[in-house]
PDB file of all heavy atoms in Angstrom:
ATOM      1  N   GLU A   1     269.468 140.956  61.443  1.00  0.00           N
ATOM      2  CA  GLU A   1     270.285 140.179  62.368  1.00  0.00           C
ATOM      3  C   GLU A   1     271.129 139.162  61.622  1.00  0.00           C
ATOM      4  O   GLU A   1     272.276 138.887  61.987  1.00  0.00           O
ATOM      5  CB  GLU A   1     269.376 139.489  63.387  1.00  0.00           C
ATOM      6  CG  GLU A   1     268.714 140.472  64.341  1.00  0.00           C
ATOM      7  CD  GLU A   1     267.759 139.769  65.283  1.00  0.00           C
ATOM      8  OE1 GLU A   1     267.599 138.544  65.149  1.00  0.00           O
ATOM      9  OE2 GLU A   1     267.178 140.446  66.153  1.00  0.00           O
ATOM     10  N   GLN A   2     270.577 138.583  60.542  1.00  0.00           N
ATOM     11  CA  GLN A   2     271.319 137.575  59.801  1.00  0.00           C
ATOM     12  C   GLN A   2     272.457 138.204  58.997  1.00  0.00           C
ATOM     13  O   GLN A   2     273.535 137.643  58.873  1.00  0.00           O
ATOM     14  CB  GLN A   2     270.380 136.823  58.868  1.00  0.00           C
ATOM     15  CG  GLN A   2     269.381 135.950  59.617  1.00  0.00           C
ATOM     16  CD  GLN A   2     268.433 135.245  58.668  1.00  0.00           C
ATOM     17  OE1 GLN A   2     268.540 135.416  57.451  1.00  0.00           O
ATOM     18  NE2 GLN A   2     267.541 134.442  59.220  1.00  0.00           N
ATOM     19  N   SER A   3     272.259 139.372  58.407  1.00  0.00           N
ATOM     20  CA  SER A   3     273.290 140.011  57.577  1.00  0.00           C
ATOM     21  C   SER A   3     274.385 140.659  58.403  1.00  0.00           C
ATOM     22  O   SER A   3     275.503 140.861  57.938  1.00  0.00           O
ATOM     23  CB  SER A   3     272.645 141.060  56.660  1.00  0.00           C
ATOM     24  OG  SER A   3     272.021 142.054  57.452  1.00  0.00           O
ATOM     25  N   GLY A   4     274.088 141.026  59.616  1.00  0.00           N
ATOM     26  CA  GLY A   4     275.076 141.642  60.483  1.00  0.00           C
ATOM     27  C   GLY A   4     275.334 143.089  60.190  1.00  0.00           C
ATOM     28  O   GLY A   4     276.327 143.637  60.664  1.00  0.00           O
ATOM     29  N   HIS A   5     274.480 143.699  59.340  1.00  0.00           N
ATOM     30  CA  HIS A   5     274.676 145.093  58.956  1.00  0.00           C
ATOM     31  C   HIS A   5     273.730 146.021  59.674  1.00  0.00           C
ATOM     32  O   HIS A   5     273.541 147.154  59.241  1.00  0.00           O
ATOM     33  CB  HIS A   5     274.482 145.249  57.436  1.00  0.00           C
ATOM     34  CG  HIS A   5     275.489 144.477  56.638  1.00  0.00           C
ATOM     35  ND1 HIS A   5     276.832 144.773  56.633  1.00  0.00           N
ATOM     36  CD2 HIS A   5     275.326 143.401  55.833  1.00  0.00           C
ATOM     37  CE1 HIS A   5     277.473 143.919  55.829  1.00  0.00           C
ATOM     38  NE2 HIS A   5     276.574 143.068  55.345  1.00  0.00           N
ATOM     39  N   ALA A   6     273.127 145.570  60.710  1.00  0.00           N
ATOM     40  CA  ALA A   6     272.213 146.446  61.439  1.00  0.00           C
ATOM     41  C   ALA A   6     272.984 147.538  62.131  1.00  0.00           C
ATOM     42  O   ALA A   6     274.086 147.323  62.640  1.00  0.00           O
ATOM     43  CB  ALA A   6     271.419 145.637  62.475  1.00  0.00           C
ATOM     44  N   ASP A   7     272.459 148.733  62.099  1.00  0.00           N
ATOM     45  CA  ASP A   7     273.120 149.865  62.723  1.00  0.00           C
ATOM     46  C   ASP A   7     273.098 149.719  64.231  1.00  0.00           C
ATOM     47  O   ASP A   7     272.105 149.307  64.813  1.00  0.00           O
ATOM     48  CB  ASP A   7     272.406 151.177  62.330  1.00  0.00           C
ATOM     49  CG  ASP A   7     272.519 151.427  60.840  1.00  0.00           C
ATOM     50  OD1 ASP A   7     273.473 150.895  60.236  1.00  0.00           O
ATOM     51  OD2 ASP A   7     271.627 152.133  60.299  1.00  0.00           O
ATOM     52  N   GLN A   8     274.247 150.061  64.828  1.00  0.00           N
ATOM     53  CA  GLN A   8     274.328 150.037  66.264  1.00  0.00           C
ATOM     54  C   GLN A   8     273.724 151.319  66.813  1.00  0.00           C
ATOM     55  O   GLN A   8     274.038 152.409  66.347  1.00  0.00           O
ATOM     56  CB  GLN A   8     275.799 149.945  66.706  1.00  0.00           C
ATOM     57  CG  GLN A   8     276.494 148.684  66.260  1.00  0.00           C
ATOM     58  CD  GLN A   8     275.900 147.459  66.931  1.00  0.00           C
ATOM     59  OE1 GLN A   8     275.426 147.561  68.064  1.00  0.00           O
ATOM     60  NE2 GLN A   8     275.928 146.319  66.251  1.00  0.00           N
ATOM     61  N   ARG A   9     272.838 151.176  67.806  1.00  0.00           N
ATOM     62  CA  ARG A   9     272.181 152.325  68.402  1.00  0.00           C
ATOM     63  C   ARG A   9     272.888 152.697  69.699  1.00  0.00           C
ATOM     64  O   ARG A   9     273.335 151.842  70.446  1.00  0.00           O
ATOM     65  CB  ARG A   9     270.712 152.022  68.682  1.00  0.00           C
ATOM     66  CG  ARG A   9     269.946 151.687  67.405  1.00  0.00           C
ATOM     67  CD  ARG A   9     268.480 151.407  67.723  1.00  0.00           C
ATOM     68  NE  ARG A   9     267.759 151.043  66.521  1.00  0.00           N
ATOM     69  CZ  ARG A   9     267.183 151.918  65.703  1.00  0.00           C
ATOM     70  NH1 ARG A   9     267.264 153.214  65.985  1.00  0.00           N
ATOM     71  NH2 ARG A   9     266.531 151.526  64.628  1.00  0.00           N
ATOM     72  N   ALA A  10     272.952 153.994  69.953  1.00  0.00           N
ATOM     73  CA  ALA A  10     273.645 154.471  71.150  1.00  0.00           C
ATOM     74  C   ALA A  10     272.833 154.223  72.395  1.00  0.00           C
ATOM     75  O   ALA A  10     273.363 154.098  73.488  1.00  0.00           O
ATOM     76  CB  ALA A  10     273.947 155.970  71.009  1.00  0.00           C
ATOM     77  N   SER A  11     271.548 154.161  72.240  1.00  0.00           N
ATOM     78  CA  SER A  11     270.704 153.970  73.413  1.00  0.00           C
ATOM     79  C   SER A  11     270.854 152.552  73.919  1.00  0.00           C
ATOM     80  O   SER A  11     271.097 151.623  73.149  1.00  0.00           O
ATOM     81  CB  SER A  11     269.242 154.253  73.059  1.00  0.00           C
ATOM     82  OG  SER A  11     268.820 153.392  72.016  1.00  0.00           O
ATOM     83  N   PRO A  12     270.730 152.342  75.246  1.00  0.00           N
ATOM     84  CA  PRO A  12     270.871 150.989  75.797  1.00  0.00           C
ATOM     85  C   PRO A  12     269.755 150.085  75.318  1.00  0.00           C
ATOM     86  O   PRO A  12     268.656 150.527  75.007  1.00  0.00           O
ATOM     87  CB  PRO A  12     270.771 151.246  77.314  1.00  0.00           C
ATOM     88  CG  PRO A  12     270.017 152.531  77.437  1.00  0.00           C
ATOM     89  CD  PRO A  12     270.432 153.354  76.268  1.00  0.00           C
ATOM     90  N   GLY A  13     270.067 148.811  75.262  1.00  0.00           N
ATOM     91  CA  GLY A  13     269.078 147.840  74.806  1.00  0.00           C
ATOM     92  C   GLY A  13     267.928 147.724  75.786  1.00  0.00           C
ATOM     93  O   GLY A  13     268.110 147.821  76.998  1.00  0.00           O
ATOM     94  N   ARG A  14     266.748 147.527  75.240  1.00  0.00           N
ATOM     95  CA  ARG A  14     265.552 147.389  76.057  1.00  0.00           C
ATOM     96  C   ARG A  14     265.100 145.934  76.066  1.00  0.00           C
ATOM     97  O   ARG A  14     265.267 145.213  75.092  1.00  0.00           O
ATOM     98  CB  ARG A  14     264.424 148.269  75.507  1.00  0.00           C
ATOM     99  CG  ARG A  14     264.703 149.764  75.648  1.00  0.00           C
ATOM    100  CD  ARG A  14     263.567 150.589  75.071  1.00  0.00           C
ATOM    101  NE  ARG A  14     263.455 150.349  73.633  1.00  0.00           N
ATOM    102  CZ  ARG A  14     262.504 150.905  72.877  1.00  0.00           C
ATOM    103  NH1 ARG A  14     261.610 151.705  73.440  1.00  0.00           N
ATOM    104  NH2 ARG A  14     262.453 150.651  71.581  1.00  0.00           N
ATOM    105  N   THR A  15     264.551 145.564  77.189  1.00  0.00           N
ATOM    106  CA  THR A  15     264.057 144.196  77.323  1.00  0.00           C
ATOM    107  C   THR A  15     262.767 144.042  76.538  1.00  0.00           C
ATOM    108  O   THR A  15     261.854 144.854  76.667  1.00  0.00           O
ATOM    109  CB  THR A  15     263.795 143.864  78.804  1.00  0.00           C
ATOM    110  OG1 THR A  15     265.004 144.088  79.520  1.00  0.00           O
ATOM    111  CG2 THR A  15     263.351 142.416  78.957  1.00  0.00           C
ATOM    112  N   HIS A  16     262.686 143.000  75.707  1.00  0.00           N
ATOM    113  CA  HIS A  16     261.501 142.768  74.884  1.00  0.00           C
ATOM    114  C   HIS A  16     260.602 141.758  75.593  1.00  0.00           C
ATOM    115  O   HIS A  16     261.033 140.680  75.974  1.00  0.00           O
ATOM    116  CB  HIS A  16     261.906 142.218  73.509  1.00  0.00           C
ATOM    117  CG  HIS A  16     262.693 143.221  72.706  1.00  0.00           C
ATOM    118  ND1 HIS A  16     262.097 144.236  71.996  1.00  0.00           N
ATOM    119  CD2 HIS A  16     264.039 143.363  72.534  1.00  0.00           C
ATOM    120  CE1 HIS A  16     263.034 144.957  71.398  1.00  0.00           C
ATOM    121  NE2 HIS A  16     264.212 144.447  71.714  1.00  0.00           N
ATOM    122  N   PHE A  17     259.389 142.154  75.739  1.00  0.00           N
ATOM    123  CA  PHE A  17     258.410 141.251  76.338  1.00  0.00           C
ATOM    124  C   PHE A  17     257.546 140.658  75.239  1.00  0.00           C
ATOM    125  O   PHE A  17     257.320 141.283  74.197  1.00  0.00           O
ATOM    126  CB  PHE A  17     257.523 141.998  77.348  1.00  0.00           C
ATOM    127  CG  PHE A  17     258.292 142.544  78.513  1.00  0.00           C
ATOM    128  CD1 PHE A  17     258.778 143.846  78.508  1.00  0.00           C
ATOM    129  CD2 PHE A  17     258.545 141.747  79.621  1.00  0.00           C
ATOM    130  CE1 PHE A  17     259.475 144.352  79.583  1.00  0.00           C
ATOM    131  CE2 PHE A  17     259.246 142.239  80.699  1.00  0.00           C
ATOM    132  CZ  PHE A  17     259.723 143.540  80.681  1.00  0.00           C
ATOM    133  N   GLY A  18     257.056 139.463  75.494  1.00  0.00           N
ATOM    134  CA  GLY A  18     256.175 138.805  74.542  1.00  0.00           C
ATOM    135  C   GLY A  18     254.906 139.604  74.328  1.00  0.00           C
ATOM    136  O   GLY A  18     254.240 139.982  75.272  1.00  0.00           O
ATOM    137  N   LYS A  19     254.580 139.891  73.099  1.00  0.00           N
ATOM    138  CA  LYS A  19     253.389 140.693  72.776  1.00  0.00           C
ATOM    139  C   LYS A  19     252.191 139.784  72.593  1.00  0.00           C
ATOM    140  O   LYS A  19     252.236 138.819  71.830  1.00  0.00           O
ATOM    141  CB  LYS A  19     253.638 141.490  71.503  1.00  0.00           C
ATOM    142  CG  LYS A  19     252.501 142.431  71.161  1.00  0.00           C
ATOM    143  CD  LYS A  19     252.840 143.258  69.942  1.00  0.00           C
ATOM    144  CE  LYS A  19     251.712 144.223  69.618  1.00  0.00           C
ATOM    145  NZ  LYS A  19     252.028 145.041  68.416  1.00  0.00           N
ATOM    146  N   LYS A  20     251.151 140.088  73.329  1.00  0.00           N
ATOM    147  CA  LYS A  20     249.943 139.279  73.226  1.00  0.00           C
ATOM    148  C   LYS A  20     249.189 139.655  71.968  1.00  0.00           C
ATOM    149  O   LYS A  20     248.930 140.822  71.705  1.00  0.00           O
ATOM    150  CB  LYS A  20     249.047 139.489  74.450  1.00  0.00           C
ATOM    151  CG  LYS A  20     249.656 138.990  75.744  1.00  0.00           C
ATOM    152  CD  LYS A  20     248.689 139.175  76.895  1.00  0.00           C
ATOM    153  CE  LYS A  20     249.291 138.659  78.194  1.00  0.00           C
ATOM    154  NZ  LYS A  20     248.360 138.830  79.328  1.00  0.00           N
ATOM    155  N   VAL A  21     248.870 138.668  71.169  1.00  0.00           N
ATOM    156  CA  VAL A  21     248.109 138.896  69.946  1.00  0.00           C
ATOM    157  C   VAL A  21     246.882 137.995  69.958  1.00  0.00           C
ATOM    158  O   VAL A  21     246.866 136.945  70.589  1.00  0.00           O
ATOM    159  CB  VAL A  21     248.955 138.617  68.686  1.00  0.00           C
ATOM    160  CG1 VAL A  21     250.109 139.587  68.579  1.00  0.00           C
ATOM    161  CG2 VAL A  21     249.462 137.187  68.700  1.00  0.00           C
ATOM    162  N   LEU A  22     245.868 138.438  69.242  1.00  0.00           N
ATOM    163  CA  LEU A  22     244.653 137.654  69.146  1.00  0.00           C
ATOM    164  C   LEU A  22     244.844 136.531  68.136  1.00  0.00           C
ATOM    165  O   LEU A  22     245.648 136.635  67.216  1.00  0.00           O
ATOM    166  CB  LEU A  22     243.489 138.551  68.712  1.00  0.00           C
ATOM    167  CG  LEU A  22     243.075 139.623  69.720  1.00  0.00           C
ATOM    168  CD1 LEU A  22     242.091 140.582  69.080  1.00  0.00           C
ATOM    169  CD2 LEU A  22     242.462 139.000  70.957  1.00  0.00           C
ATOM    170  N   PRO A  23     244.126 135.429  68.273  1.00  0.00           N
ATOM    171  CA  PRO A  23     244.235 134.335  67.298  1.00  0.00           C
ATOM    172  C   PRO A  23     243.710 134.785  65.949  1.00  0.00           C
ATOM    173  O   PRO A  23     242.959 135.751  65.850  1.00  0.00           O
ATOM    174  CB  PRO A  23     243.356 133.236  67.912  1.00  0.00           C
ATOM    175  CG  PRO A  23     242.404 133.968  68.783  1.00  0.00           C
ATOM    176  CD  PRO A  23     243.165 135.142  69.327  1.00  0.00           C
ATOM    177  N   PRO A  24     244.099 134.106  64.875  1.00  0.00           N
ATOM    178  CA  PRO A  24     243.667 134.514  63.533  1.00  0.00           C
ATOM    179  C   PRO A  24     242.160 134.371  63.370  1.00  0.00           C
ATOM    180  O   PRO A  24     241.530 133.518  63.971  1.00  0.00           O
ATOM    181  CB  PRO A  24     244.425 133.548  62.615  1.00  0.00           C
ATOM    182  CG  PRO A  24     244.711 132.354  63.470  1.00  0.00           C
ATOM    183  CD  PRO A  24     244.936 132.898  64.842  1.00  0.00           C
ATOM    184  N   ILE A  25     241.611 135.224  62.520  1.00  0.00           N
ATOM    185  CA  ILE A  25     240.180 135.158  62.228  1.00  0.00           C
ATOM    186  C   ILE A  25     239.911 133.957  61.341  1.00  0.00           C
ATOM    187  O   ILE A  25     240.632 133.709  60.377  1.00  0.00           O
ATOM    188  CB  ILE A  25     239.720 136.444  61.525  1.00  0.00           C
ATOM    189  CG1 ILE A  25     239.973 137.644  62.445  1.00  0.00           C
ATOM    190  CG2 ILE A  25     238.260 136.381  61.126  1.00  0.00           C
ATOM    191  CD1 ILE A  25     239.645 138.964  61.819  1.00  0.00           C
ATOM    192  N   PRO A  26     238.880 133.156  61.625  1.00  0.00           N
ATOM    193  CA  PRO A  26     238.601 131.968  60.803  1.00  0.00           C
ATOM    194  C   PRO A  26     238.342 132.351  59.351  1.00  0.00           C
ATOM    195  O   PRO A  26     237.792 133.416  59.064  1.00  0.00           O
ATOM    196  CB  PRO A  26     237.346 131.379  61.466  1.00  0.00           C
ATOM    197  CG  PRO A  26     237.344 131.947  62.843  1.00  0.00           C
ATOM    198  CD  PRO A  26     237.975 133.292  62.742  1.00  0.00           C
ATOM    199  N   LYS A  27     238.753 131.461  58.445  1.00  0.00           N
ATOM    200  CA  LYS A  27     238.503 131.704  57.033  1.00  0.00           C
ATOM    201  C   LYS A  27     237.015 131.621  56.725  1.00  0.00           C
ATOM    202  O   LYS A  27     236.281 130.845  57.331  1.00  0.00           O
ATOM    203  CB  LYS A  27     239.255 130.682  56.176  1.00  0.00           C
ATOM    204  CG  LYS A  27     240.770 130.823  56.235  1.00  0.00           C
ATOM    205  CD  LYS A  27     241.434 129.827  55.321  1.00  0.00           C
ATOM    206  CE  LYS A  27     242.953 129.999  55.346  1.00  0.00           C
ATOM    207  NZ  LYS A  27     243.609 129.021  54.451  1.00  0.00           N
ATOM    208  N   ASN A  28     236.591 132.399  55.749  1.00  0.00           N
ATOM    209  CA  ASN A  28     235.190 132.415  55.304  1.00  0.00           C
ATOM    210  C   ASN A  28     234.217 132.797  56.398  1.00  0.00           C
ATOM    211  O   ASN A  28     233.031 132.492  56.313  1.00  0.00           O
ATOM    212  CB  ASN A  28     234.791 131.046  54.732  1.00  0.00           C
ATOM    213  CG  ASN A  28     235.689 130.636  53.589  1.00  0.00           C
ATOM    214  OD1 ASN A  28     236.138 131.489  52.817  1.00  0.00           O
ATOM    215  ND2 ASN A  28     235.949 129.342  53.470  1.00  0.00           N
ATOM    216  N   ALA A  29     234.699 133.434  57.459  1.00  0.00           N
ATOM    217  CA  ALA A  29     233.818 133.866  58.549  1.00  0.00           C
ATOM    218  C   ALA A  29     233.296 135.256  58.223  1.00  0.00           C
ATOM    219  O   ALA A  29     234.053 136.211  58.159  1.00  0.00           O
ATOM    220  CB  ALA A  29     234.558 133.883  59.882  1.00  0.00           C
ATOM    221  N   THR A  30     232.020 135.360  57.983  1.00  0.00           N
ATOM    222  CA  THR A  30     231.407 136.628  57.603  1.00  0.00           C
ATOM    223  C   THR A  30     230.396 137.032  58.648  1.00  0.00           C
ATOM    224  O   THR A  30     229.428 136.312  58.896  1.00  0.00           O
ATOM    225  CB  THR A  30     230.701 136.502  56.247  1.00  0.00           C
ATOM    226  OG1 THR A  30     231.641 136.047  55.283  1.00  0.00           O
ATOM    227  CG2 THR A  30     230.133 137.847  55.810  1.00  0.00           C
ATOM    228  N   PRO A  31     230.573 138.171  59.314  1.00  0.00           N
ATOM    229  CA  PRO A  31     229.602 138.602  60.324  1.00  0.00           C
ATOM    230  C   PRO A  31     228.314 139.045  59.671  1.00  0.00           C
ATOM    231  O   PRO A  31     228.299 139.543  58.550  1.00  0.00           O
ATOM    232  CB  PRO A  31     230.313 139.777  61.006  1.00  0.00           C
ATOM    233  CG  PRO A  31     231.246 140.306  59.969  1.00  0.00           C
ATOM    234  CD  PRO A  31     231.685 139.117  59.172  1.00  0.00           C
ATOM    235  N   ILE A  32     227.205 138.881  60.388  1.00  0.00           N
ATOM    236  CA  ILE A  32     225.913 139.279  59.858  1.00  0.00           C
ATOM    237  C   ILE A  32     225.620 140.722  60.191  1.00  0.00           C
ATOM    238  O   ILE A  32     224.637 141.273  59.734  1.00  0.00           O
ATOM    239  CB  ILE A  32     224.800 138.382  60.426  1.00  0.00           C
ATOM    240  CG1 ILE A  32     224.722 138.532  61.944  1.00  0.00           C
ATOM    241  CG2 ILE A  32     224.999 136.953  60.042  1.00  0.00           C
ATOM    242  CD1 ILE A  32     223.565 137.778  62.572  1.00  0.00           C
ATOM    243  N   THR A  33     226.462 141.349  60.999  1.00  0.00           N
ATOM    244  CA  THR A  33     226.233 142.734  61.386  1.00  0.00           C
ATOM    245  C   THR A  33     227.045 143.653  60.497  1.00  0.00           C
ATOM    246  O   THR A  33     227.805 143.215  59.635  1.00  0.00           O
ATOM    247  CB  THR A  33     226.619 142.951  62.852  1.00  0.00           C
ATOM    248  OG1 THR A  33     227.956 142.476  63.057  1.00  0.00           O
ATOM    249  CG2 THR A  33     225.689 142.184  63.757  1.00  0.00           C
ATOM    250  N   LYS A  34     226.920 144.945  60.712  1.00  0.00           N
ATOM    251  CA  LYS A  34     227.578 145.938  59.872  1.00  0.00           C
ATOM    252  C   LYS A  34     229.085 145.829  60.005  1.00  0.00           C
ATOM    253  O   LYS A  34     229.619 145.884  61.102  1.00  0.00           O
ATOM    254  CB  LYS A  34     227.119 147.335  60.275  1.00  0.00           C
ATOM    255  CG  LYS A  34     227.645 148.411  59.335  1.00  0.00           C
ATOM    256  CD  LYS A  34     227.080 149.758  59.687  1.00  0.00           C
ATOM    257  CE  LYS A  34     227.651 150.279  60.978  1.00  0.00           C
ATOM    258  NZ  LYS A  34     227.225 151.650  61.273  1.00  0.00           N
TER     259      LYS A  34
END
């Protein structure tokens, strides 16, 4: 997007919805299970 060299696609633009992601795993968190 910044360079402006992105290829134009013939297909119509699609609406982007916010993707739900899980929070990051805590550092040094080691499970006791397998």
